[in-house]
Every structure is written in structure tokens, then in C-alpha cells.
Amino acid sequence: MAENKFKEKNMGRTIENHQTAAWTNIEALKPISRVPIPNENQVKNAKEYVDTNQK
């Protein structure tokens, strides 16, 4: 066994917070691929967020 158990201890920890993601407000699903389609307002909010947080 490996000495480093960091990965095993932290497997249950959530890394990303998806509460503000554009896909959280799903308007529809594509029929075959089941890809969520967010409503237009959420897409605009996501684009604005990305544009303001560019490096």
C-alpha cells in the first residue's frame, strides 16, 4: 500500500459548486443525447460571469 492516503481520505469532498451554473435551470433536454438546455436568461448570466472574470 502507498504511504500517501490523501486521495482516499478526500474522495467524498465536493470540489465544484454547481448552484450558479447555467444548466441548473434546465428548460429542455435534447431527445437522444439527453443534454440539458438552459433557458436564455441563464445563458446570458453565464456569459456575463465569464466575461467579467477573464484574466
PDB file of N, CA and C in Angstrom:
ATOM      1  N   MET A   1       0.835  -1.183   0.000  1.00  0.00           N
ATOM      2  CA  MET A   1       0.000   0.000   0.000  1.00  0.00           C
ATOM      3  C   MET A   1       0.880   1.248   0.000  1.00  0.00           C
ATOM      4  N   ALA A   2       0.319   2.284  -0.576  1.00  0.00           N
ATOM      5  CA  ALA A   2       1.044   3.544  -0.653  1.00  0.00           C
ATOM      6  C   ALA A   2       0.988   4.276   0.689  1.00  0.00           C
ATOM      7  N   GLU A   3       2.023   5.050   0.941  1.00  0.00           N
ATOM      8  CA  GLU A   3       2.084   5.826   2.172  1.00  0.00           C
ATOM      9  C   GLU A   3       1.121   7.024   2.135  1.00  0.00           C
ATOM     10  N   ASN A   4       0.908   7.581   0.936  1.00  0.00           N
ATOM     11  CA  ASN A   4       0.082   8.773   0.799  1.00  0.00           C
ATOM     12  C   ASN A   4      -1.389   8.375   0.666  1.00  0.00           C
ATOM     13  N   LYS A   5      -2.184   8.698   1.675  1.00  0.00           N
ATOM     14  CA  LYS A   5      -3.599   8.339   1.669  1.00  0.00           C
ATOM     15  C   LYS A   5      -4.481   9.567   1.454  1.00  0.00           C
ATOM     16  N   PHE A   6      -3.908  10.657   0.924  1.00  0.00           N
ATOM     17  CA  PHE A   6      -4.653  11.891   0.723  1.00  0.00           C
ATOM     18  C   PHE A   6      -5.857  11.675  -0.177  1.00  0.00           C
ATOM     19  N   LYS A   7      -5.666  10.985  -1.278  1.00  0.00           N
ATOM     20  CA  LYS A   7      -6.748  10.778  -2.227  1.00  0.00           C
ATOM     21  C   LYS A   7      -7.869   9.947  -1.594  1.00  0.00           C
ATOM     22  N   GLU A   8      -7.528   8.937  -0.873  1.00  0.00           N
ATOM     23  CA  GLU A   8      -8.528   8.081  -0.256  1.00  0.00           C
ATOM     24  C   GLU A   8      -9.343   8.837   0.791  1.00  0.00           C
ATOM     25  N   LYS A   9      -8.713   9.739   1.532  1.00  0.00           N
ATOM     26  CA  LYS A   9      -9.416  10.479   2.566  1.00  0.00           C
ATOM     27  C   LYS A   9     -10.346  11.530   1.985  1.00  0.00           C
ATOM     28  N   ASN A  10     -10.007  12.093   0.832  1.00  0.00           N
ATOM     29  CA  ASN A  10     -10.751  13.218   0.280  1.00  0.00           C
ATOM     30  C   ASN A  10     -11.622  12.857  -0.919  1.00  0.00           C
ATOM     31  N   MET A  11     -11.941  11.610  -1.105  1.00  0.00           N
ATOM     32  CA  MET A  11     -12.766  11.216  -2.242  1.00  0.00           C
ATOM     33  C   MET A  11     -14.194  11.753  -2.122  1.00  0.00           C
ATOM     34  N   GLY A  12     -14.723  11.899  -0.928  1.00  0.00           N
ATOM     35  CA  GLY A  12     -16.089  12.348  -0.750  1.00  0.00           C
ATOM     36  C   GLY A  12     -16.266  13.852  -0.758  1.00  0.00           C
ATOM     37  N   ARG A  13     -15.188  14.601  -0.791  1.00  0.00           N
ATOM     38  CA  ARG A  13     -15.261  16.056  -0.732  1.00  0.00           C
ATOM     39  C   ARG A  13     -15.687  16.620  -2.096  1.00  0.00           C
ATOM     40  N   THR A  14     -16.662  17.555  -2.084  1.00  0.00           N
ATOM     41  CA  THR A  14     -17.116  18.207  -3.303  1.00  0.00           C
ATOM     42  C   THR A  14     -16.115  19.281  -3.698  1.00  0.00           C
ATOM     43  N   ILE A  15     -15.750  19.301  -4.962  1.00  0.00           N
ATOM     44  CA  ILE A  15     -14.761  20.256  -5.441  1.00  0.00           C
ATOM     45  C   ILE A  15     -15.434  21.469  -6.068  1.00  0.00           C
ATOM     46  N   GLU A  16     -16.449  21.237  -6.889  1.00  0.00           N
ATOM     47  CA  GLU A  16     -17.100  22.326  -7.609  1.00  0.00           C
ATOM     48  C   GLU A  16     -18.478  22.615  -7.033  1.00  0.00           C
ATOM     49  N   ASN A  17     -18.853  23.864  -7.078  1.00  0.00           N
ATOM     50  CA  ASN A  17     -20.170  24.283  -6.642  1.00  0.00           C
ATOM     51  C   ASN A  17     -20.997  24.585  -7.887  1.00  0.00           C
ATOM     52  N   HIS A  18     -22.044  23.819  -8.127  1.00  0.00           N
ATOM     53  CA  HIS A  18     -22.834  23.961  -9.344  1.00  0.00           C
ATOM     54  C   HIS A  18     -24.127  24.732  -9.127  1.00  0.00           C
ATOM     55  N   GLN A  19     -24.275  25.412  -8.016  1.00  0.00           N
ATOM     56  CA  GLN A  19     -25.515  26.120  -7.742  1.00  0.00           C
ATOM     57  C   GLN A  19     -25.737  27.300  -8.678  1.00  0.00           C
ATOM     58  N   THR A  20     -24.674  27.911  -9.188  1.00  0.00           N
ATOM     59  CA  THR A  20     -24.830  29.056 -10.076  1.00  0.00           C
ATOM     60  C   THR A  20     -24.572  28.699 -11.536  1.00  0.00           C
ATOM     61  N   ALA A  21     -24.454  27.436 -11.853  1.00  0.00           N
ATOM     62  CA  ALA A  21     -24.195  27.018 -13.227  1.00  0.00           C
ATOM     63  C   ALA A  21     -25.411  27.251 -14.110  1.00  0.00           C
ATOM     64  N   ALA A  22     -25.172  27.484 -15.400  1.00  0.00           N
ATOM     65  CA  ALA A  22     -26.263  27.771 -16.327  1.00  0.00           C
ATOM     66  C   ALA A  22     -27.197  26.579 -16.485  1.00  0.00           C
ATOM     67  N   TRP A  23     -26.689  25.370 -16.306  1.00  0.00           N
ATOM     68  CA  TRP A  23     -27.541  24.195 -16.534  1.00  0.00           C
ATOM     69  C   TRP A  23     -28.428  23.866 -15.337  1.00  0.00           C
ATOM     70  N   THR A  24     -28.344  24.629 -14.250  1.00  0.00           N
ATOM     71  CA  THR A  24     -29.203  24.327 -13.104  1.00  0.00           C
ATOM     72  C   THR A  24     -30.659  24.677 -13.366  1.00  0.00           C
ATOM     73  N   ASN A  25     -30.906  25.602 -14.267  1.00  0.00           N
ATOM     74  CA  ASN A  25     -32.274  25.974 -14.631  1.00  0.00           C
ATOM     75  C   ASN A  25     -32.558  25.390 -16.014  1.00  0.00           C
ATOM     76  N   ILE A  26     -32.836  24.110 -16.056  1.00  0.00           N
ATOM     77  CA  ILE A  26     -32.988  23.388 -17.316  1.00  0.00           C
ATOM     78  C   ILE A  26     -34.355  23.682 -17.925  1.00  0.00           C
ATOM     79  N   GLU A  27     -34.328  24.100 -19.183  1.00  0.00           N
ATOM     80  CA  GLU A  27     -35.564  24.377 -19.899  1.00  0.00           C
ATOM     81  C   GLU A  27     -36.030  23.151 -20.667  1.00  0.00           C
ATOM     82  N   ALA A  28     -35.089  22.395 -21.233  1.00  0.00           N
ATOM     83  CA  ALA A  28     -35.438  21.215 -22.033  1.00  0.00           C
ATOM     84  C   ALA A  28     -34.253  20.273 -22.074  1.00  0.00           C
ATOM     85  N   LEU A  29     -34.491  19.075 -22.576  1.00  0.00           N
ATOM     86  CA  LEU A  29     -33.429  18.094 -22.807  1.00  0.00           C
ATOM     87  C   LEU A  29     -33.427  17.702 -24.273  1.00  0.00           C
ATOM     88  N   LYS A  30     -32.223  17.535 -24.838  1.00  0.00           N
ATOM     89  CA  LYS A  30     -32.154  17.026 -26.206  1.00  0.00           C
ATOM     90  C   LYS A  30     -32.651  15.588 -26.189  1.00  0.00           C
ATOM     91  N   PRO A  31     -33.389  15.173 -27.200  1.00  0.00           N
ATOM     92  CA  PRO A  31     -34.057  13.875 -27.137  1.00  0.00           C
ATOM     93  C   PRO A  31     -33.127  12.665 -27.068  1.00  0.00           C
ATOM     94  N   ILE A  32     -32.111  12.613 -27.875  1.00  0.00           N
ATOM     95  CA  ILE A  32     -31.269  11.411 -27.914  1.00  0.00           C
ATOM     96  C   ILE A  32     -30.125  11.483 -26.921  1.00  0.00           C
ATOM     97  N   SER A  33     -29.415  12.600 -26.905  1.00  0.00           N
ATOM     98  CA  SER A  33     -28.227  12.712 -26.056  1.00  0.00           C
ATOM     99  C   SER A  33     -28.560  13.089 -24.613  1.00  0.00           C
ATOM    100  N   ARG A  34     -29.778  13.563 -24.344  1.00  0.00           N
ATOM    101  CA  ARG A  34     -30.222  13.983 -23.014  1.00  0.00           C
ATOM    102  C   ARG A  34     -29.341  15.096 -22.447  1.00  0.00           C
ATOM    103  N   VAL A  35     -28.881  16.006 -23.316  1.00  0.00           N
ATOM    104  CA  VAL A  35     -28.085  17.159 -22.907  1.00  0.00           C
ATOM    105  C   VAL A  35     -29.042  18.247 -22.425  1.00  0.00           C
ATOM    106  N   PRO A  36     -28.825  18.778 -21.232  1.00  0.00           N
ATOM    107  CA  PRO A  36     -29.721  19.823 -20.735  1.00  0.00           C
ATOM    108  C   PRO A  36     -29.526  21.135 -21.479  1.00  0.00           C
ATOM    109  N   ILE A  37     -30.637  21.805 -21.785  1.00  0.00           N
ATOM    110  CA  ILE A  37     -30.605  23.100 -22.454  1.00  0.00           C
ATOM    111  C   ILE A  37     -31.131  24.132 -21.462  1.00  0.00           C
ATOM    112  N   PRO A  38     -30.279  25.050 -21.000  1.00  0.00           N
ATOM    113  CA  PRO A  38     -30.728  26.055 -20.033  1.00  0.00           C
ATOM    114  C   PRO A  38     -31.586  27.113 -20.717  1.00  0.00           C
ATOM    115  N   ASN A  39     -32.347  27.864 -19.913  1.00  0.00           N
ATOM    116  CA  ASN A  39     -33.139  28.926 -20.523  1.00  0.00           C
ATOM    117  C   ASN A  39     -32.224  30.079 -20.917  1.00  0.00           C
ATOM    118  N   GLU A  40     -32.732  30.975 -21.737  1.00  0.00           N
ATOM    119  CA  GLU A  40     -31.916  32.036 -22.326  1.00  0.00           C
ATOM    120  C   GLU A  40     -31.343  32.989 -21.272  1.00  0.00           C
ATOM    121  N   ASN A  41     -32.102  33.246 -20.241  1.00  0.00           N
ATOM    122  CA  ASN A  41     -31.644  34.136 -19.182  1.00  0.00           C
ATOM    123  C   ASN A  41     -30.406  33.568 -18.484  1.00  0.00           C
ATOM    124  N   GLN A  42     -30.394  32.279 -18.212  1.00  0.00           N
ATOM    125  CA  GLN A  42     -29.247  31.645 -17.565  1.00  0.00           C
ATOM    126  C   GLN A  42     -28.013  31.670 -18.466  1.00  0.00           C
ATOM    127  N   VAL A  43     -28.207  31.508 -19.773  1.00  0.00           N
ATOM    128  CA  VAL A  43     -27.080  31.566 -20.710  1.00  0.00           C
ATOM    129  C   VAL A  43     -26.465  32.963 -20.710  1.00  0.00           C
ATOM    130  N   LYS A  44     -27.312  33.988 -20.700  1.00  0.00           N
ATOM    131  CA  LYS A  44     -26.805  35.370 -20.655  1.00  0.00           C
ATOM    132  C   LYS A  44     -26.051  35.629 -19.357  1.00  0.00           C
ATOM    133  N   ASN A  45     -26.587  35.146 -18.239  1.00  0.00           N
ATOM    134  CA  ASN A  45     -25.904  35.319 -16.952  1.00  0.00           C
ATOM    135  C   ASN A  45     -24.554  34.614 -16.938  1.00  0.00           C
ATOM    136  N   ALA A  46     -24.484  33.417 -17.496  1.00  0.00           N
ATOM    137  CA  ALA A  46     -23.228  32.672 -17.536  1.00  0.00           C
ATOM    138  C   ALA A  46     -22.198  33.388 -18.400  1.00  0.00           C
ATOM    139  N   LYS A  47     -22.623  33.915 -19.557  1.00  0.00           N
ATOM    140  CA  LYS A  47     -21.706  34.634 -20.433  1.00  0.00           C
ATOM    141  C   LYS A  47     -21.192  35.900 -19.747  1.00  0.00           C
ATOM    142  N   GLU A  48     -22.077  36.618 -19.079  1.00  0.00           N
ATOM    143  CA  GLU A  48     -21.670  37.830 -18.370  1.00  0.00           C
ATOM    144  C   GLU A  48     -20.659  37.501 -17.272  1.00  0.00           C
ATOM    145  N   TYR A  49     -20.889  36.417 -16.557  1.00  0.00           N
ATOM    146  CA  TYR A  49     -19.973  35.998 -15.495  1.00  0.00           C
ATOM    147  C   TYR A  49     -18.588  35.682 -16.069  1.00  0.00           C
ATOM    148  N   VAL A  50     -18.570  34.952 -17.184  1.00  0.00           N
ATOM    149  CA  VAL A  50     -17.284  34.591 -17.801  1.00  0.00           C
ATOM    150  C   VAL A  50     -16.571  35.826 -18.313  1.00  0.00           C
ATOM    151  N   ASP A  51     -17.305  36.718 -18.941  1.00  0.00           N
ATOM    152  CA  ASP A  51     -16.686  37.929 -19.487  1.00  0.00           C
ATOM    153  C   ASP A  51     -16.101  38.823 -18.398  1.00  0.00           C
ATOM    154  N   THR A  52     -16.747  38.902 -17.252  1.00  0.00           N
ATOM    155  CA  THR A  52     -16.236  39.772 -16.185  1.00  0.00           C
ATOM    156  C   THR A  52     -15.093  39.133 -15.416  1.00  0.00           C
ATOM    157  N   ASN A  53     -14.942  37.818 -15.488  1.00  0.00           N
ATOM    158  CA  ASN A  53     -13.896  37.131 -14.723  1.00  0.00           C
ATOM    159  C   ASN A  53     -12.743  36.637 -15.592  1.00  0.00           C
ATOM    160  N   GLN A  54     -12.557  37.252 -16.743  1.00  0.00           N
ATOM    161  CA  GLN A  54     -11.422  36.873 -17.581  1.00  0.00           C
ATOM    162  C   GLN A  54     -10.144  37.418 -16.986  1.00  0.00           C
ATOM    163  N   LYS A  55      -9.059  36.685 -17.205  1.00  0.00           N
ATOM    164  CA  LYS A  55      -7.759  37.121 -16.690  1.00  0.00           C
ATOM    165  C   LYS A  55      -7.004  37.894 -17.730  1.00  0.00           C
TER     166      LYS A  55
END
